[in-house]
Amino acid sequence: MDEWGQLQLLVTPLEGFAETSASILQMLATGVDRDTLIHLCGLVGGWSTAMVMKSKRDLVEKLN
């Protein structure tokens, strides 16, 4: 995923973490409780892992 795609993940409003939909950046700026922070970290960690794996696959394809 390119940098713009990564940014979109951080600024896209999410539902189910607060009373109203908000982006990860908005939630972190306004403060969240411990449980919500743990869930957001897991979500972002999953996204970053997927991006790293895709980058590695792309690199292997270029080398072959």
N, C-alpha and C. Protein backbone atom coordinates (compact mmCIF):
# COMPACT_ATOMS: atom_id res chain seq x y z
N MET A 1 0.85 -1.18 0.00
CA MET A 1 0.00 0.00 0.00
C MET A 1 0.90 1.24 0.00
N ASP A 2 0.53 2.20 -0.81
CA ASP A 2 1.33 3.41 -0.86
C ASP A 2 1.03 4.32 0.33
N GLU A 3 1.78 5.42 0.41
CA GLU A 3 1.64 6.33 1.55
C GLU A 3 0.24 6.93 1.65
N TRP A 4 -0.38 7.21 0.51
CA TRP A 4 -1.72 7.79 0.52
C TRP A 4 -2.74 6.79 1.07
N GLY A 5 -2.57 5.54 0.72
CA GLY A 5 -3.46 4.51 1.25
C GLY A 5 -3.31 4.37 2.76
N GLN A 6 -2.09 4.46 3.25
CA GLN A 6 -1.84 4.39 4.68
C GLN A 6 -2.50 5.57 5.40
N LEU A 7 -2.36 6.75 4.81
CA LEU A 7 -2.97 7.94 5.40
C LEU A 7 -4.49 7.81 5.42
N GLN A 8 -5.05 7.27 4.36
CA GLN A 8 -6.50 7.10 4.31
C GLN A 8 -7.00 6.20 5.44
N LEU A 9 -6.23 5.17 5.78
CA LEU A 9 -6.63 4.28 6.87
C LEU A 9 -6.68 5.03 8.20
N LEU A 10 -5.79 6.00 8.37
CA LEU A 10 -5.75 6.74 9.62
C LEU A 10 -6.81 7.84 9.72
N VAL A 11 -7.29 8.33 8.58
CA VAL A 11 -8.24 9.44 8.60
C VAL A 11 -9.67 9.03 8.24
N THR A 12 -9.87 7.78 7.87
CA THR A 12 -11.22 7.31 7.54
C THR A 12 -12.01 7.07 8.82
N PRO A 13 -13.22 7.64 8.91
CA PRO A 13 -14.03 7.43 10.11
C PRO A 13 -14.37 5.95 10.33
N LEU A 14 -14.23 5.50 11.56
CA LEU A 14 -14.56 4.13 11.94
C LEU A 14 -15.79 4.15 12.83
N GLU A 15 -16.57 3.11 12.76
CA GLU A 15 -17.74 3.00 13.63
C GLU A 15 -17.50 1.90 14.64
N GLY A 16 -18.12 2.04 15.81
CA GLY A 16 -18.05 1.00 16.82
C GLY A 16 -17.02 1.24 17.91
N PHE A 17 -16.23 2.29 17.80
CA PHE A 17 -15.23 2.58 18.83
C PHE A 17 -15.66 3.72 19.74
N ALA A 18 -16.59 4.52 19.30
CA ALA A 18 -17.06 5.68 20.07
C ALA A 18 -18.54 5.89 19.76
N GLU A 19 -19.12 6.88 20.42
CA GLU A 19 -20.55 7.15 20.20
C GLU A 19 -20.83 7.58 18.77
N THR A 20 -19.90 8.31 18.18
CA THR A 20 -20.03 8.72 16.79
C THR A 20 -18.83 8.19 16.02
N SER A 21 -18.93 8.13 14.71
CA SER A 21 -17.80 7.65 13.93
C SER A 21 -16.68 8.70 13.96
N ALA A 22 -15.46 8.24 14.06
CA ALA A 22 -14.29 9.12 14.10
C ALA A 22 -13.10 8.35 13.56
N SER A 23 -12.14 9.09 13.03
CA SER A 23 -10.92 8.44 12.53
C SER A 23 -10.03 8.07 13.71
N ILE A 24 -9.06 7.22 13.44
CA ILE A 24 -8.11 6.83 14.49
C ILE A 24 -7.39 8.07 15.01
N LEU A 25 -6.98 8.95 14.10
CA LEU A 25 -6.27 10.16 14.54
C LEU A 25 -7.16 11.04 15.41
N GLN A 26 -8.44 11.17 15.05
CA GLN A 26 -9.35 11.97 15.86
C GLN A 26 -9.54 11.36 17.24
N MET A 27 -9.68 10.04 17.30
CA MET A 27 -9.86 9.38 18.59
C MET A 27 -8.63 9.55 19.47
N LEU A 28 -7.46 9.42 18.89
CA LEU A 28 -6.24 9.58 19.68
C LEU A 28 -6.06 11.02 20.15
N ALA A 29 -6.47 11.97 19.32
CA ALA A 29 -6.34 13.39 19.69
C ALA A 29 -7.26 13.77 20.84
N THR A 30 -8.44 13.17 20.86
CA THR A 30 -9.41 13.52 21.91
C THR A 30 -9.28 12.64 23.14
N GLY A 31 -8.53 11.56 23.03
CA GLY A 31 -8.34 10.66 24.15
C GLY A 31 -9.36 9.54 24.14
N VAL A 32 -8.90 8.35 24.41
CA VAL A 32 -9.77 7.18 24.46
C VAL A 32 -9.45 6.39 25.72
N ASP A 33 -10.35 5.54 26.11
CA ASP A 33 -10.09 4.72 27.29
C ASP A 33 -9.11 3.61 26.94
N ARG A 34 -8.63 2.93 27.95
CA ARG A 34 -7.59 1.91 27.78
C ARG A 34 -8.02 0.79 26.84
N ASP A 35 -9.22 0.28 26.99
CA ASP A 35 -9.69 -0.81 26.14
C ASP A 35 -9.78 -0.39 24.67
N THR A 36 -10.28 0.80 24.42
CA THR A 36 -10.37 1.30 23.05
C THR A 36 -8.98 1.47 22.46
N LEU A 37 -8.05 1.98 23.26
CA LEU A 37 -6.68 2.15 22.79
C LEU A 37 -6.06 0.80 22.41
N ILE A 38 -6.31 -0.22 23.21
CA ILE A 38 -5.80 -1.56 22.91
C ILE A 38 -6.38 -2.07 21.59
N HIS A 39 -7.67 -1.87 21.37
CA HIS A 39 -8.30 -2.31 20.12
C HIS A 39 -7.76 -1.54 18.92
N LEU A 40 -7.58 -0.23 19.08
CA LEU A 40 -7.04 0.57 17.97
C LEU A 40 -5.61 0.15 17.64
N CYS A 41 -4.81 -0.13 18.66
CA CYS A 41 -3.44 -0.59 18.42
C CYS A 41 -3.43 -1.92 17.66
N GLY A 42 -4.34 -2.81 18.02
CA GLY A 42 -4.45 -4.08 17.30
C GLY A 42 -4.85 -3.89 15.86
N LEU A 43 -5.79 -2.98 15.62
CA LEU A 43 -6.24 -2.70 14.26
C LEU A 43 -5.11 -2.12 13.42
N VAL A 44 -4.43 -1.12 13.94
CA VAL A 44 -3.32 -0.50 13.21
C VAL A 44 -2.17 -1.49 13.04
N GLY A 45 -1.93 -2.32 14.04
CA GLY A 45 -0.89 -3.34 13.93
C GLY A 45 -1.19 -4.33 12.81
N GLY A 46 -2.45 -4.71 12.68
CA GLY A 46 -2.85 -5.60 11.60
C GLY A 46 -2.66 -4.96 10.24
N TRP A 47 -3.02 -3.68 10.13
CA TRP A 47 -2.83 -2.97 8.86
C TRP A 47 -1.36 -2.90 8.51
N SER A 48 -0.52 -2.54 9.50
CA SER A 48 0.91 -2.38 9.20
C SER A 48 1.54 -3.72 8.83
N THR A 49 1.13 -4.80 9.48
CA THR A 49 1.66 -6.12 9.14
C THR A 49 1.29 -6.48 7.71
N ALA A 50 0.05 -6.22 7.33
CA ALA A 50 -0.39 -6.51 5.96
C ALA A 50 0.41 -5.69 4.95
N MET A 51 0.69 -4.44 5.28
CA MET A 51 1.45 -3.59 4.37
C MET A 51 2.88 -4.08 4.22
N VAL A 52 3.51 -4.50 5.32
CA VAL A 52 4.88 -5.01 5.26
C VAL A 52 4.92 -6.28 4.43
N MET A 53 3.97 -7.17 4.63
CA MET A 53 3.95 -8.43 3.87
C MET A 53 3.79 -8.15 2.38
N LYS A 54 2.94 -7.20 2.02
CA LYS A 54 2.76 -6.85 0.62
C LYS A 54 4.05 -6.27 0.05
N SER A 55 4.72 -5.42 0.81
CA SER A 55 5.98 -4.84 0.35
C SER A 55 7.02 -5.92 0.11
N LYS A 56 7.07 -6.90 1.00
CA LYS A 56 8.03 -8.00 0.83
C LYS A 56 7.70 -8.82 -0.41
N ARG A 57 6.41 -9.10 -0.65
CA ARG A 57 6.02 -9.85 -1.84
C ARG A 57 6.39 -9.08 -3.10
N ASP A 58 6.14 -7.77 -3.09
CA ASP A 58 6.48 -6.93 -4.25
C ASP A 58 7.98 -6.97 -4.52
N LEU A 59 8.78 -6.92 -3.47
CA LEU A 59 10.23 -6.94 -3.62
C LEU A 59 10.69 -8.28 -4.19
N VAL A 60 10.15 -9.37 -3.69
CA VAL A 60 10.52 -10.70 -4.19
C VAL A 60 10.16 -10.83 -5.66
N GLU A 61 8.98 -10.32 -6.04
CA GLU A 61 8.58 -10.38 -7.45
C GLU A 61 9.54 -9.59 -8.34
N LYS A 62 10.01 -8.45 -7.87
CA LYS A 62 10.95 -7.65 -8.65
C LYS A 62 12.29 -8.37 -8.81
N LEU A 63 12.69 -9.10 -7.76
CA LEU A 63 13.98 -9.79 -7.80
C LEU A 63 13.94 -11.03 -8.69
N ASN A 64 12.77 -11.59 -8.87
CA ASN A 64 12.65 -12.81 -9.69
C ASN A 64 12.55 -12.46 -11.11
